[in-house]
Protein backbone atom coordinates (compact mmCIF):
# COMPACT_ATOMS: atom_id res chain seq x y z
CA UNK A 1 20.86 34.00 8.74
CA UNK A 2 17.20 34.84 9.17
CA UNK A 3 14.47 32.37 8.52
CA UNK A 4 13.32 34.18 5.37
CA UNK A 5 16.84 34.27 3.89
CA UNK A 6 17.29 30.60 4.78
CA UNK A 7 14.08 29.75 2.91
CA UNK A 8 15.25 31.77 -0.09
CA UNK A 9 18.53 29.90 -0.06
CA UNK A 10 16.71 26.55 -0.06
CA UNK A 11 14.57 27.67 -3.00
CA UNK A 12 17.68 28.82 -4.88
CA UNK A 13 19.44 25.49 -4.33
CA UNK A 14 16.34 23.57 -5.39
CA UNK A 15 16.13 25.58 -8.59
CA UNK A 16 19.81 24.93 -9.28
CA UNK A 17 19.24 21.19 -8.87
CA UNK A 18 16.28 21.27 -11.25
CA UNK A 19 18.26 23.28 -13.81
CA UNK A 20 21.16 20.83 -13.58
CA UNK A 21 18.75 17.99 -14.17
CA UNK A 22 17.27 19.77 -17.18
CA UNK A 23 20.75 20.37 -18.56
CA UNK A 24 21.50 16.66 -18.20
CA UNK A 25 18.23 15.81 -19.92
CA UNK A 26 19.05 18.16 -22.77
CA UNK A 27 22.50 16.62 -23.09
CA UNK A 28 20.94 13.16 -23.33
CA UNK A 29 18.51 14.44 -25.97
CA UNK A 30 21.39 15.83 -28.02
CA UNK A 31 23.11 12.46 -27.85
CA UNK A 32 19.92 10.88 -29.24
CA UNK A 33 19.77 8.40 -26.37
CA UNK A 34 17.46 5.51 -27.19
CA UNK A 35 14.39 4.70 -25.15
CA UNK A 36 15.92 1.55 -23.68
CA UNK A 37 19.13 3.37 -22.77
CA UNK A 38 17.06 6.04 -21.07
CA UNK A 39 15.34 3.35 -18.99
CA UNK A 40 18.74 1.98 -17.98
CA UNK A 41 19.96 5.41 -16.91
CA UNK A 42 17.07 6.38 -14.65
CA UNK A 43 16.63 2.87 -13.20
CA UNK A 44 20.35 2.73 -12.38
CA UNK A 45 20.25 6.12 -10.67
CA UNK A 46 17.23 5.20 -8.59
CA UNK A 47 18.70 1.83 -7.60
CA UNK A 48 22.07 3.33 -6.63
CA UNK A 49 20.54 6.12 -4.53
CA UNK A 50 18.12 3.72 -2.83
CA UNK A 51 20.99 1.38 -2.01
CA UNK A 52 22.98 4.21 -0.43
CA UNK A 53 20.01 5.42 1.60
CA UNK A 54 19.26 1.86 2.74
CA UNK A 55 22.82 1.38 3.98
CA UNK A 56 22.84 4.74 5.76
CA UNK A 57 19.46 4.01 7.32
CA UNK A 58 20.63 0.66 8.68
CA UNK A 59 23.64 2.37 10.26
CA UNK A 60 21.46 5.14 11.70
CA UNK A 61 19.26 2.57 13.44
CA UNK A 62 22.36 0.89 14.83
CA UNK A 63 23.64 4.22 16.17
CA UNK A 64 20.35 4.97 17.96
CA UNK A 65 20.20 1.40 19.30
CA UNK A 66 23.76 1.66 20.64
CA UNK A 67 22.96 4.97 22.33
CA UNK A 68 19.92 3.43 24.01
CA UNK A 69 21.12 -0.07 24.79
CA UNK A 70 24.90 0.11 24.61
CA UNK A 71 27.33 -1.46 22.15
CA UNK A 72 27.28 -5.00 23.56
CA UNK A 73 25.29 -7.93 22.18
CA UNK A 74 21.73 -6.64 22.19
CA UNK A 75 20.25 -10.11 22.62
CA UNK A 76 21.78 -10.49 26.07
CA UNK A 77 21.96 -6.84 27.02
CA UNK A 78 18.24 -6.10 26.62
CA UNK A 79 17.27 -9.03 28.80
CA UNK A 80 19.77 -8.04 31.49
CA UNK A 81 18.78 -4.35 31.59
CA UNK A 82 16.81 -3.01 34.58
CA UNK A 83 13.06 -3.29 33.99
CA UNK A 84 12.52 0.45 34.55
CA UNK A 85 15.00 1.32 31.81
CA UNK A 86 13.43 -1.15 29.40
CA UNK A 87 10.04 0.27 30.30
CA UNK A 88 10.92 3.89 29.49
CA UNK A 89 13.12 3.65 26.40
CA UNK A 90 10.38 3.03 23.79
CA UNK A 91 8.27 5.78 25.37
CA UNK A 92 11.17 8.25 25.21
CA UNK A 93 11.80 7.34 21.58
CA UNK A 94 8.12 7.74 20.76
CA UNK A 95 7.98 11.12 22.48
CA UNK A 96 11.04 12.43 20.67
CA UNK A 97 9.68 11.17 17.35
CA UNK A 98 6.28 12.75 18.00
CA UNK A 99 7.78 16.14 18.81
CA UNK A 100 10.02 16.06 15.74
CA UNK A 101 7.19 14.92 13.46
CA UNK A 102 4.65 17.50 14.60
CA UNK A 103 6.70 20.52 15.61
CA UNK A 104 9.94 20.29 13.59
CA UNK A 105 9.19 18.38 10.37
CA UNK A 106 5.46 19.21 10.49
CA UNK A 107 4.61 15.77 9.13
CA UNK A 108 2.54 14.00 11.81
CA UNK A 109 2.24 10.78 9.78
CA UNK A 110 4.73 8.78 7.76
CA UNK A 111 3.98 8.33 4.07
CA UNK A 112 4.30 4.55 4.11
CA UNK A 113 3.73 1.73 1.66
CA UNK A 114 -0.05 2.37 1.23
CA UNK A 115 0.64 5.90 0.03
CA UNK A 116 3.27 4.62 -2.39
CA UNK A 117 0.82 2.04 -3.76
CA UNK A 118 -1.86 4.70 -4.18
CA UNK A 119 0.45 6.97 -6.15
CA UNK A 120 1.83 4.12 -8.24
CA UNK A 121 -1.57 2.70 -9.20
CA UNK A 122 -3.96 5.66 -9.16
CA UNK A 123 -2.11 8.89 -8.59
CA UNK A 124 0.35 10.83 -10.68
CA UNK A 125 3.29 8.65 -9.70
CA UNK A 126 4.75 11.20 -7.28
CA UNK A 127 5.39 11.21 -3.56
CA UNK A 128 6.89 13.91 -1.38
CA UNK A 129 10.64 14.29 -1.90
CA UNK A 130 10.84 16.37 1.28
CA UNK A 131 9.69 13.37 3.33
CA UNK A 132 12.98 11.48 2.89
CA UNK A 133 14.81 13.19 5.75
CA UNK A 134 11.91 13.09 8.27
CA UNK A 135 11.27 9.42 7.45
CA UNK A 136 14.97 8.63 7.88
CA UNK A 137 15.31 10.36 11.26
CA UNK A 138 11.96 9.49 12.85
CA UNK A 139 11.99 5.84 11.82
CA UNK A 140 15.55 5.38 13.05
CA UNK A 141 14.57 6.86 16.43
CA UNK A 142 11.50 4.64 16.82
CA UNK A 143 13.17 1.39 15.78
CA UNK A 144 16.49 2.09 17.50
CA UNK A 145 14.83 3.01 20.82
CA UNK A 146 12.84 -0.22 20.95
CA UNK A 147 9.64 0.52 19.05
CA UNK A 148 8.25 -2.63 17.48
CA UNK A 149 8.63 -1.84 13.78
CA UNK A 150 10.80 -2.69 10.80
CA UNK A 151 13.05 -0.65 8.57
CA UNK A 152 11.67 -2.01 5.29
CA UNK A 153 8.51 0.15 5.16
CA UNK A 154 10.44 3.42 5.58
CA UNK A 155 12.98 2.24 2.99
CA UNK A 156 10.16 1.65 0.49
CA UNK A 157 8.78 5.13 1.21
CA UNK A 158 12.22 6.74 0.84
CA UNK A 159 12.93 4.73 -2.32
CA UNK A 160 9.66 5.93 -3.81
CA UNK A 161 10.61 9.53 -2.99
CA UNK A 162 13.94 8.99 -4.73
CA UNK A 163 12.02 7.71 -7.75
CA UNK A 164 9.89 10.86 -7.64
CA UNK A 165 13.02 13.04 -7.54
CA UNK A 166 14.53 11.31 -10.56
CA UNK A 167 11.18 11.51 -12.34
CA UNK A 168 11.07 15.28 -11.84
CA UNK A 169 14.66 15.79 -12.97
CA UNK A 170 14.18 13.73 -16.12
CA UNK A 171 10.63 15.02 -16.77
CA UNK A 172 9.25 11.50 -16.94
CA UNK A 173 5.72 10.87 -18.18
CA UNK A 174 3.04 9.87 -15.69
CA UNK A 175 3.40 6.18 -16.53
CA UNK A 176 7.17 6.30 -16.16
CA UNK A 177 6.88 8.13 -12.85
CA UNK A 178 4.78 5.24 -11.58
CA UNK A 179 7.43 2.79 -12.71
CA UNK A 180 10.06 4.98 -11.07
CA UNK A 181 8.21 4.56 -7.76
CA UNK A 182 8.32 0.81 -8.32
CA UNK A 183 12.04 1.02 -9.02
CA UNK A 184 12.66 2.82 -5.74
CA UNK A 185 10.55 0.33 -3.78
CA UNK A 186 12.23 -2.67 -5.42
CA UNK A 187 15.72 -1.32 -4.80
CA UNK A 188 14.91 -0.54 -1.17
CA UNK A 189 13.52 -4.00 -0.39
CA UNK A 190 16.30 -5.72 -2.33
CA UNK A 191 18.97 -3.79 -0.44
CA UNK A 192 17.30 -4.25 2.95
CA UNK A 193 17.10 -8.05 2.64
CA UNK A 194 19.99 -8.59 0.21
CA UNK A 195 17.31 -10.21 -1.96
CA UNK A 196 16.99 -8.71 -5.47
CA UNK A 197 14.31 -11.15 -6.68
CA UNK A 198 12.14 -10.44 -3.66
CA UNK A 199 12.55 -6.71 -4.30
CA UNK A 200 11.38 -7.09 -7.89
CA UNK A 201 8.29 -9.09 -7.04
CA UNK A 202 7.41 -6.92 -4.05
CA UNK A 203 7.31 -3.95 -6.41
CA UNK A 204 5.31 -5.82 -9.06
CA UNK A 205 2.93 -7.74 -6.78
CA UNK A 206 2.35 -5.13 -4.09
CA UNK A 207 3.39 -1.62 -5.13
CA UNK A 208 2.21 -1.83 -8.75
CA UNK A 209 -0.69 -4.15 -7.90
CA UNK A 210 0.21 -6.96 -10.28
CA UNK A 211 1.59 -5.01 -13.24
CA UNK A 212 3.89 -7.57 -14.89
CA UNK A 213 4.33 -5.87 -18.28
CA UNK A 214 7.76 -6.29 -19.86
CA UNK A 215 8.25 -2.53 -20.07
CA UNK A 216 7.54 -2.28 -16.36
CA UNK A 217 9.63 -5.30 -15.42
CA UNK A 218 12.90 -4.29 -17.10
CA UNK A 219 13.69 -1.06 -15.18
CA UNK A 220 12.49 -2.55 -11.89
CA UNK A 221 14.79 -5.56 -12.26
CA UNK A 222 17.72 -3.26 -13.02
CA UNK A 223 17.00 -0.96 -10.08
CA UNK A 224 16.70 -3.96 -7.74
CA UNK A 225 20.04 -5.37 -8.88
CA UNK A 226 21.82 -2.02 -8.59
CA UNK A 227 20.37 -1.36 -5.14
CA UNK A 228 21.57 -4.76 -3.92
CA UNK A 229 25.04 -4.30 -5.41
CA UNK A 230 25.45 -0.84 -3.87
CA UNK A 231 24.44 -2.00 -0.38
CA UNK A 232 26.72 -5.04 -0.67
CA UNK A 233 29.59 -2.74 -1.62
CA UNK A 234 28.91 -0.53 1.41
CA UNK A 235 28.04 -3.14 4.07
CA UNK A 236 29.29 -6.44 2.69
CA UNK A 237 27.57 -9.41 1.08
CA UNK A 238 25.76 -10.95 4.03
CA UNK A 239 22.47 -12.84 4.10
CA UNK A 240 19.75 -11.19 6.15
CA UNK A 241 19.63 -14.32 8.34
CA UNK A 242 21.99 -17.19 9.00
CA UNK A 243 19.91 -20.28 8.36
CA UNK A 244 20.98 -23.74 9.55
CA UNK A 245 21.23 -26.55 6.97
CA UNK A 246 17.76 -27.56 5.84
CA UNK A 247 16.31 -30.68 4.31
CA UNK A 248 12.85 -32.13 3.77
CA UNK A 249 12.99 -35.32 5.86
CA UNK A 250 10.07 -37.02 4.12
CA UNK A 251 7.29 -36.25 1.67
CA UNK A 252 4.73 -36.68 4.41
CA UNK A 253 6.24 -33.71 6.22
CA UNK A 254 4.56 -31.46 3.65
CA UNK A 255 1.33 -32.05 5.59
CA UNK A 256 2.83 -30.37 8.64
CA UNK A 257 3.94 -27.43 6.54
CA UNK A 258 0.42 -27.22 5.14
CA UNK A 259 -0.91 -26.98 8.70
CA UNK A 260 1.67 -24.25 9.36
CA UNK A 261 0.43 -22.40 6.26
CA UNK A 262 -3.18 -22.52 7.46
CA UNK A 263 -2.21 -21.26 10.90
CA UNK A 264 -0.07 -18.54 9.31
CA UNK A 265 -3.08 -17.28 7.35
CA UNK A 266 -5.15 -17.01 10.52
CA UNK A 267 -2.35 -15.34 12.50
CA UNK A 268 -1.65 -12.93 9.64
CA UNK A 269 -5.28 -11.84 9.63
CA UNK A 270 -5.17 -11.39 13.41
CA UNK A 271 -2.12 -9.16 12.93
CA UNK A 272 -3.91 -7.02 10.32
CA UNK A 273 -7.01 -6.69 12.51
CA UNK A 274 -4.93 -5.72 15.55
CA UNK A 275 -3.11 -3.16 13.41
CA UNK A 276 -6.38 -1.56 12.27
CA UNK A 277 -8.02 -1.63 15.71
CA UNK A 278 -5.00 0.10 17.20
CA UNK A 279 -5.15 2.84 14.56
CA UNK A 280 -8.84 3.38 15.31
CA UNK A 281 -8.22 3.49 19.06
CA UNK A 282 -5.45 6.07 18.87
CA UNK A 283 -7.34 8.20 16.34
CA UNK A 284 -10.14 8.55 18.90
CA UNK A 285 -7.79 9.06 21.85
CA UNK A 286 -8.18 12.71 23.01
CA UNK A 287 -4.47 13.52 23.09
CA UNK A 288 -2.18 15.71 20.96
CA UNK A 289 -0.67 13.92 17.96
CA UNK A 290 2.86 14.36 19.27
CA UNK A 291 1.99 12.57 22.54
CA UNK A 292 0.36 9.48 21.07
CA UNK A 293 3.59 7.73 19.94
CA UNK A 294 4.88 8.11 23.50
CA UNK A 295 1.77 6.35 24.85
CA UNK A 296 2.26 3.57 22.32
CA UNK A 297 5.93 3.32 23.29
CA UNK A 298 5.01 3.19 26.96
CA UNK A 299 2.65 0.28 26.29
CA UNK A 300 5.37 -1.51 24.34
CA UNK A 301 7.68 -0.90 27.30
CA UNK A 302 5.18 -2.65 29.58
CA UNK A 303 5.22 -5.69 27.29
CA UNK A 304 9.00 -5.47 27.17
CA UNK A 305 9.29 -5.96 30.93
CA UNK A 306 8.39 -9.62 30.36
CA UNK A 307 9.09 -9.97 26.63
CA UNK A 308 12.00 -7.67 25.70
CA UNK A 309 12.37 -9.65 22.48
CA UNK A 310 9.55 -7.56 20.94
CA UNK A 311 11.78 -4.48 20.84
CA UNK A 312 12.95 -3.09 17.50
CA UNK A 313 12.91 -5.06 14.28
CA UNK A 314 13.74 -8.26 16.17
CA UNK A 315 16.35 -9.60 13.76
CA UNK A 316 18.59 -10.87 16.58
CA UNK A 317 15.76 -12.81 18.15
CA UNK A 318 14.54 -14.17 14.82
CA UNK A 319 18.04 -15.58 14.42
CA UNK A 320 17.64 -17.35 17.75
CA UNK A 321 14.36 -18.91 16.59
CA UNK A 322 15.97 -20.08 13.36
CA UNK A 323 18.75 -21.69 15.37
CA UNK A 324 16.23 -23.47 17.59
CA UNK A 325 17.40 -21.74 20.77
CA UNK A 326 13.99 -20.70 22.15
CA UNK A 327 11.56 -22.64 24.29
CA UNK A 328 8.06 -23.55 23.15
CA UNK A 329 6.44 -21.27 25.73
CA UNK A 330 8.57 -18.27 24.73
CA UNK A 331 7.95 -18.81 21.02
CA UNK A 332 4.19 -18.96 21.51
CA UNK A 333 4.19 -15.91 23.80
CA UNK A 334 6.18 -13.89 21.27
CA UNK A 335 3.63 -14.54 18.51
CA UNK A 336 1.02 -12.67 20.55
CA UNK A 337 3.45 -10.22 22.09
CA UNK A 338 4.84 -9.05 18.76
CA UNK A 339 1.38 -8.64 17.24
CA UNK A 340 0.28 -6.42 20.12
CA UNK A 341 3.57 -4.49 20.36
CA UNK A 342 3.65 -3.73 16.63
CA UNK A 343 -0.01 -2.69 16.61
CA UNK A 344 0.69 -0.30 19.50
CA UNK A 345 3.81 1.16 17.90
CA UNK A 346 2.37 1.77 14.44
CA UNK A 347 -1.20 2.44 15.53
CA UNK A 348 -0.10 5.21 17.87
CA UNK A 349 1.66 6.98 15.02
CA UNK A 350 5.14 5.57 15.39
CA UNK A 351 7.14 5.63 12.17
CA UNK A 352 8.28 2.26 10.89
CA UNK A 353 7.32 -0.70 8.75
CA UNK A 354 5.38 -3.92 9.20
CA UNK A 355 7.42 -6.32 7.05
CA UNK A 356 10.02 -7.18 9.69
CA UNK A 357 7.33 -7.69 12.36
CA UNK A 358 5.55 -10.02 9.92
CA UNK A 359 8.74 -12.04 9.52
CA UNK A 360 9.22 -12.06 13.30
CA UNK A 361 5.69 -13.31 13.95
CA UNK A 362 6.15 -15.95 11.25
CA UNK A 363 9.43 -17.14 12.74
CA UNK A 364 7.90 -17.50 16.19
CA UNK A 365 4.78 -19.22 14.85
CA UNK A 366 6.86 -21.58 12.74
CA UNK A 367 9.13 -22.30 15.68
CA UNK A 368 6.09 -23.08 17.84
CA UNK A 369 4.70 -25.52 15.27
CA UNK A 370 8.16 -26.99 14.76
CA UNK A 371 8.65 -27.62 18.47
CA UNK A 372 5.33 -29.45 18.67
CA UNK A 373 5.79 -31.44 15.46
CA UNK A 374 9.45 -32.32 15.99
CA UNK A 375 8.82 -33.20 19.61
CA UNK A 376 6.06 -35.58 18.54
CA UNK A 377 7.73 -37.05 15.42
CA UNK A 378 11.48 -36.48 15.88
CA UNK A 379 12.59 -39.01 13.28
CA UNK A 380 10.17 -37.92 10.54
CA UNK A 381 10.44 -34.12 10.73
CA UNK A 382 13.04 -31.38 10.44
CA UNK A 383 14.23 -29.33 13.39
CA UNK A 384 12.07 -26.46 14.74
CA UNK A 385 14.36 -23.94 13.05
CA UNK A 386 13.27 -25.23 9.62
CA UNK A 387 9.65 -24.55 10.48
CA UNK A 388 10.61 -21.07 11.73
CA UNK A 389 12.13 -20.33 8.33
CA UNK A 390 9.01 -21.44 6.47
CA UNK A 391 6.76 -19.60 8.91
CA UNK A 392 8.53 -16.32 8.13
CA UNK A 393 7.62 -16.53 4.46
CA UNK A 394 4.10 -17.78 5.12
CA UNK A 395 3.05 -14.97 7.47
CA UNK A 396 4.72 -12.32 5.32
CA UNK A 397 2.92 -13.60 2.20
CA UNK A 398 -0.43 -13.69 4.02
CA UNK A 399 -0.06 -10.21 5.56
CA UNK A 400 0.69 -8.49 2.25
CA UNK A 401 -1.26 -10.96 0.04
CA UNK A 402 1.84 -11.58 -2.10
CA UNK A 403 2.79 -15.30 -2.18
CA UNK A 404 5.47 -14.96 -4.85
CA UNK A 405 7.28 -12.32 -2.80
CA UNK A 406 7.17 -14.56 0.28
CA UNK A 407 8.45 -17.58 -1.62
CA UNK A 408 11.31 -15.79 -3.35
CA UNK A 409 12.36 -13.89 -0.25
CA UNK A 410 12.73 -17.09 1.76
CA UNK A 411 14.52 -18.80 -1.11
CA UNK A 412 17.05 -15.96 -1.28
CA UNK A 413 17.39 -15.78 2.50
CA UNK A 414 18.08 -19.51 2.86
CA UNK A 415 20.04 -19.89 -0.38
CA UNK A 416 18.76 -23.47 -0.36
CA UNK A 417 16.56 -24.94 -3.09
CA UNK A 418 15.36 -27.71 -0.78
CA UNK A 419 13.23 -25.20 1.12
CA UNK A 420 11.15 -24.37 -1.97
CA UNK A 421 8.49 -27.10 -1.63
CA UNK A 422 7.62 -26.36 2.02
CA UNK A 423 7.76 -22.60 1.45
CA UNK A 424 5.54 -22.79 -1.63
CA UNK A 425 3.03 -24.94 0.19
CA UNK A 426 2.89 -22.75 3.28
CA UNK A 427 2.90 -19.39 1.45
CA UNK A 428 0.12 -20.31 -0.97
CA UNK A 429 -2.09 -21.81 1.74
CA UNK A 430 -1.44 -18.91 4.12
CA UNK A 431 -2.34 -16.35 1.45
CA UNK A 432 -5.45 -18.31 0.47
CA UNK A 433 -6.67 -18.48 4.06
CA UNK A 434 -5.93 -14.79 4.62
CA UNK A 435 -7.89 -13.87 1.49
CA UNK A 436 -10.80 -16.07 2.53
CA UNK A 437 -10.91 -14.23 5.84
CA UNK A 438 -10.68 -10.85 4.09
CA UNK A 439 -9.90 -9.64 0.56
CA UNK A 440 -7.84 -6.83 2.11
CA UNK A 441 -4.14 -7.06 2.89
CA UNK A 442 -2.57 -4.87 5.55
CA UNK A 443 -2.06 -2.21 2.88
CA UNK A 444 -5.48 -2.82 1.38
CA UNK A 445 -7.08 -1.98 4.72
CA UNK A 446 -5.46 1.46 4.71
CA UNK A 447 -6.39 2.10 1.09
CA UNK A 448 -9.97 0.90 1.55
CA UNK A 449 -10.54 3.79 3.95
CA UNK A 450 -10.06 6.06 0.95
CA UNK A 451 -12.36 3.99 -1.25
CA UNK A 452 -9.47 2.35 -3.11
CA UNK A 453 -9.76 -1.39 -3.79
CA UNK A 454 -6.78 -2.84 -5.60
CA UNK A 455 -7.57 -6.54 -5.73
CA UNK A 456 -10.27 -6.17 -8.38
CA UNK A 457 -7.92 -5.60 -11.30
CA UNK A 458 -6.96 -2.66 -13.48
CA UNK A 459 -10.25 -2.43 -15.36
CA UNK A 460 -12.29 -2.05 -12.19
CA UNK A 461 -9.78 0.43 -10.76
CA UNK A 462 -10.16 2.57 -13.89
CA UNK A 463 -13.94 2.61 -13.44
CA UNK A 464 -13.57 3.45 -9.75
CA UNK A 465 -11.13 6.28 -10.41
CA UNK A 466 -13.30 8.01 -13.02
CA UNK A 467 -16.15 10.07 -11.61
CA UNK A 468 -19.47 10.90 -13.22
CA UNK A 469 -18.66 14.62 -13.01
CA UNK A 470 -15.67 13.98 -15.31
CA UNK A 471 -17.82 12.55 -18.12
CA UNK A 472 -21.33 14.02 -17.77
CA UNK A 473 -22.95 16.73 -19.88
CA UNK A 474 -23.96 19.86 -18.00
CA UNK A 475 -26.44 20.78 -20.73
CA UNK A 476 -29.71 19.07 -19.89
CA UNK A 477 -33.31 19.88 -20.76
CA UNK A 478 -35.79 19.33 -17.96
CA UNK A 479 -39.59 19.21 -18.07
CA UNK A 480 -41.83 20.84 -15.42
CA UNK A 481 -44.23 18.38 -13.86
CA UNK A 482 -47.26 20.48 -15.04
CA UNK A 483 -46.13 20.57 -18.69
CA UNK A 484 -48.83 19.28 -21.09
CA UNK A 485 -48.23 16.52 -23.59
CA UNK A 486 -48.29 19.06 -26.45
CA UNK A 487 -45.33 20.95 -24.92
CA UNK A 488 -43.51 17.70 -24.32
CA UNK A 489 -43.93 16.68 -27.98
CA UNK A 490 -42.58 20.05 -29.05
CA UNK A 491 -39.48 19.57 -26.86
CA UNK A 492 -38.97 16.08 -28.25
CA UNK A 493 -39.08 17.40 -31.82
CA UNK A 494 -36.30 19.92 -31.22
CA UNK A 495 -34.10 17.97 -28.77
CA UNK A 496 -31.46 15.27 -29.04
CA UNK A 497 -32.55 13.83 -25.70
CA UNK A 498 -34.80 10.81 -25.42
CA UNK A 499 -34.88 10.85 -21.63
CA UNK A 500 -36.23 14.01 -19.99
CA UNK A 501 -35.89 14.64 -16.24
CA UNK A 502 -39.20 15.83 -14.77
CA UNK A 503 -38.75 18.39 -11.99
CA UNK A 504 -40.95 20.25 -9.52
CA UNK A 505 -41.13 24.00 -9.08
CA UNK A 506 -37.80 24.02 -7.16
CA UNK A 507 -35.96 21.99 -9.79
CA UNK A 508 -35.93 18.81 -7.71
CA UNK A 509 -35.99 15.58 -9.69
CA UNK A 510 -39.32 13.71 -9.62
CA UNK A 511 -38.65 11.13 -12.30
CA UNK A 512 -37.75 10.60 -15.94
CA UNK A 513 -39.80 10.62 -19.15
CA UNK A 514 -38.61 7.69 -21.21
CA UNK A 515 -40.00 8.14 -24.71
CA UNK A 516 -39.15 4.60 -25.70
CA UNK A 517 -42.18 3.69 -23.58
CA UNK A 518 -44.48 6.29 -25.18
CA UNK A 519 -43.80 5.93 -28.90
CA UNK A 520 -47.31 4.69 -29.58
CA UNK A 521 -48.76 7.89 -28.04
CA UNK A 522 -46.82 10.33 -30.21
CA UNK A 523 -49.67 10.70 -32.73
CA UNK A 524 -52.53 10.69 -30.22
CA UNK A 525 -53.54 14.33 -30.66
CA UNK A 526 -56.46 13.95 -28.25
CA UNK A 527 -53.98 13.66 -25.40
CA UNK A 528 -52.19 16.91 -26.26
CA UNK A 529 -53.91 18.97 -23.54
CA UNK A 530 -55.16 16.20 -21.26
CA UNK A 531 -51.94 14.57 -20.01
CA UNK A 532 -49.19 16.31 -18.06
CA UNK A 533 -45.60 15.28 -17.49
CA UNK A 534 -46.20 14.35 -13.85
CA UNK A 535 -48.66 11.67 -14.97
CA UNK A 536 -46.32 10.17 -17.56
CA UNK A 537 -43.16 10.05 -15.47
CA UNK A 538 -41.39 6.73 -15.02
CA UNK A 539 -42.13 5.64 -11.47
CA UNK A 540 -38.70 4.00 -11.18
CA UNK A 541 -36.62 6.93 -9.95
CA UNK A 542 -33.01 6.49 -11.07
CA UNK A 543 -30.20 9.06 -10.99
CA UNK A 544 -26.51 9.53 -10.27
CA UNK A 545 -24.50 11.96 -8.16
CA UNK A 546 -21.51 13.86 -9.65
CA UNK A 547 -19.10 12.12 -7.25
CA UNK A 548 -20.36 8.63 -8.10
CA UNK A 549 -17.84 6.44 -9.90
CA UNK A 550 -18.19 5.35 -13.51
CA UNK A 551 -18.48 1.82 -12.15
CA UNK A 552 -21.66 2.87 -10.33
CA UNK A 553 -22.97 4.39 -13.56
CA UNK A 554 -22.29 1.21 -15.54
CA UNK A 555 -24.04 -0.90 -12.93
CA UNK A 556 -27.05 1.44 -13.05
CA UNK A 557 -27.19 1.34 -16.85
CA UNK A 558 -26.99 -2.44 -16.80
CA UNK A 559 -29.75 -2.79 -14.22
CA UNK A 560 -32.18 -0.39 -15.94
CA UNK A 561 -31.21 -0.98 -19.55
CA UNK A 562 -31.32 2.80 -20.06
CA UNK A 563 -29.08 4.81 -22.37
CA UNK A 564 -29.17 8.00 -20.31
CA UNK A 565 -29.71 9.01 -16.67
CA UNK A 566 -29.91 12.40 -14.93
CA UNK A 567 -27.21 13.64 -12.56
CA UNK A 568 -28.42 15.45 -9.44
CA UNK A 569 -26.81 17.43 -6.66
CA UNK A 570 -26.29 15.31 -3.57
CA UNK A 571 -27.59 17.97 -1.17
CA UNK A 572 -30.93 19.00 -2.75
CA UNK A 573 -31.41 16.52 -5.65
CA UNK A 574 -31.63 19.30 -8.20
CA UNK A 575 -30.75 18.24 -11.73
CA UNK A 576 -27.23 19.40 -12.68
CA UNK A 577 -26.58 17.33 -15.80
CA UNK A 578 -26.98 14.03 -17.57
CA UNK A 579 -24.72 11.14 -18.52
CA UNK A 580 -25.13 8.67 -21.37
CA UNK A 581 -23.99 5.10 -21.78
CA UNK A 582 -21.81 6.18 -24.72
CA UNK A 583 -20.09 8.89 -22.66
CA UNK A 584 -19.20 6.36 -19.98
CA UNK A 585 -17.79 3.83 -22.44
CA UNK A 586 -15.77 6.46 -24.32
CA UNK A 587 -14.35 7.89 -21.09
CA UNK A 588 -13.35 4.42 -19.93
CA UNK A 589 -11.61 3.64 -23.22
CA UNK A 590 -9.72 6.96 -23.15
CA UNK A 591 -8.53 6.33 -19.61
CA UNK A 592 -7.32 2.82 -20.43
CA UNK A 593 -5.31 4.18 -23.36
CA UNK A 594 -3.97 6.99 -21.17
CA UNK A 595 -2.74 4.50 -18.58
CA UNK A 596 -1.06 2.35 -21.16
CA UNK A 597 2.68 2.73 -21.56
CA UNK A 598 3.64 5.90 -23.38
CA UNK A 599 7.10 6.98 -24.34
């Protein structure tokens, strides 16, 4: 079959799928399905599909890992492997991934959690459905071959794409498509960690940027539950980690957990900074895109010669830390080693997530603190493994700026209510410290590069999303700088404007005539031919560009107490329109209503 006929066949199949979806939608319409029932249907579908994909993805990683490292116990096998083999495996995986991404899938970068957040909060609620297969294959190769990354980020991205697919089939509104993305993310996280509550709050806190409306919550809860049930049916009901029995030895021990929380906030920020610096370094590196993941993998391989525990998602080694089977020196070394290895893997373009590395770093940091504290006060403190558990939640919460997600995830992982007080203390303090150091989470850093700031709330995001060019009037009367006062009065008589831009011979803005300041001169006929516009212009030059945000416009209006300002071209400052305070307010109100839930 030729390439052209193959493409035609793909288009035909895609059209058949869309038509089948439309037929199903029409059937539901004929049955007069209620709104709530409709929510149940699409949330269930998204959750079930995300659960299946999560289970398949976990098995795919295991297959690649077994091909690279063998089928024996990875914990012992990796350490016993020849150094040269350990050195080359992550580089080979990175090279294969780079070639596939650039030359086969033609998607050099993975659409990760930041892209999902952008679409869920500001975009049309759609991600690329075609990215599911490339994300599945490339991420499995990177993680399975030893790249320092987690499977949770790719699962969120794939879950969001599943939500997009269901949204297209069911012709969901923009608001529902955004919720569908949240459903896919929640189901993916819930299935990955066997933690439905954590999946729900990850979607609400992180993906939907704090949208806790009841109409948003209901489908996300359902999708999270279904995703967990499906993965349990396929892989069994197992906790993500086996945690030893835990108890809070004394109330005073909370102080040590508070110290752990503070340290977790600092370490989390160091992880985010390393992540961003690595991205910047590899972006400037004069190499082809397909080669960069191999360089990152090679660097990880160098670290792996001495610290092979940094390979992959690190679940096996986290389990060792939780069981208290690591030395103080190794635990401390792995905090730094995993930060660097993950930054190299993801910064070089390797496909994978940062949630599992965050948990790994937290486990090693907590184990380090636990070794010191328990060694100093053995009778008054829990074992180091207890601190490793709490450290996991604290670093995760601080990295993604989501304390509720960190608390609930650790509660579900431990299945022990006694861990709640230490986890709450550490997670809240860690997040607070991380936010003091920077208002940006690891995802916020990526979004900030695009001018997207999510921590400021929905109202500010609405004002940032709207641009002046979307609300301004293109009809604007200007006044030449040599125009006499008589001509100006004539314009004022026949115009609705009260603010007139004064321009030079080339149309460049020189200033504004504000007639609120010249009311007393309106009947001074002696000035009719003596004063020109250039002499009356307001010396405070104020204007907006078409690509300025509505937030910028509001700030300008507030500072000048004007009702109207000119809009000029950014390149030559020629007047292209005007915008009024009323236009800005009306546009904001319309956008808020538009973003409200609609059936």
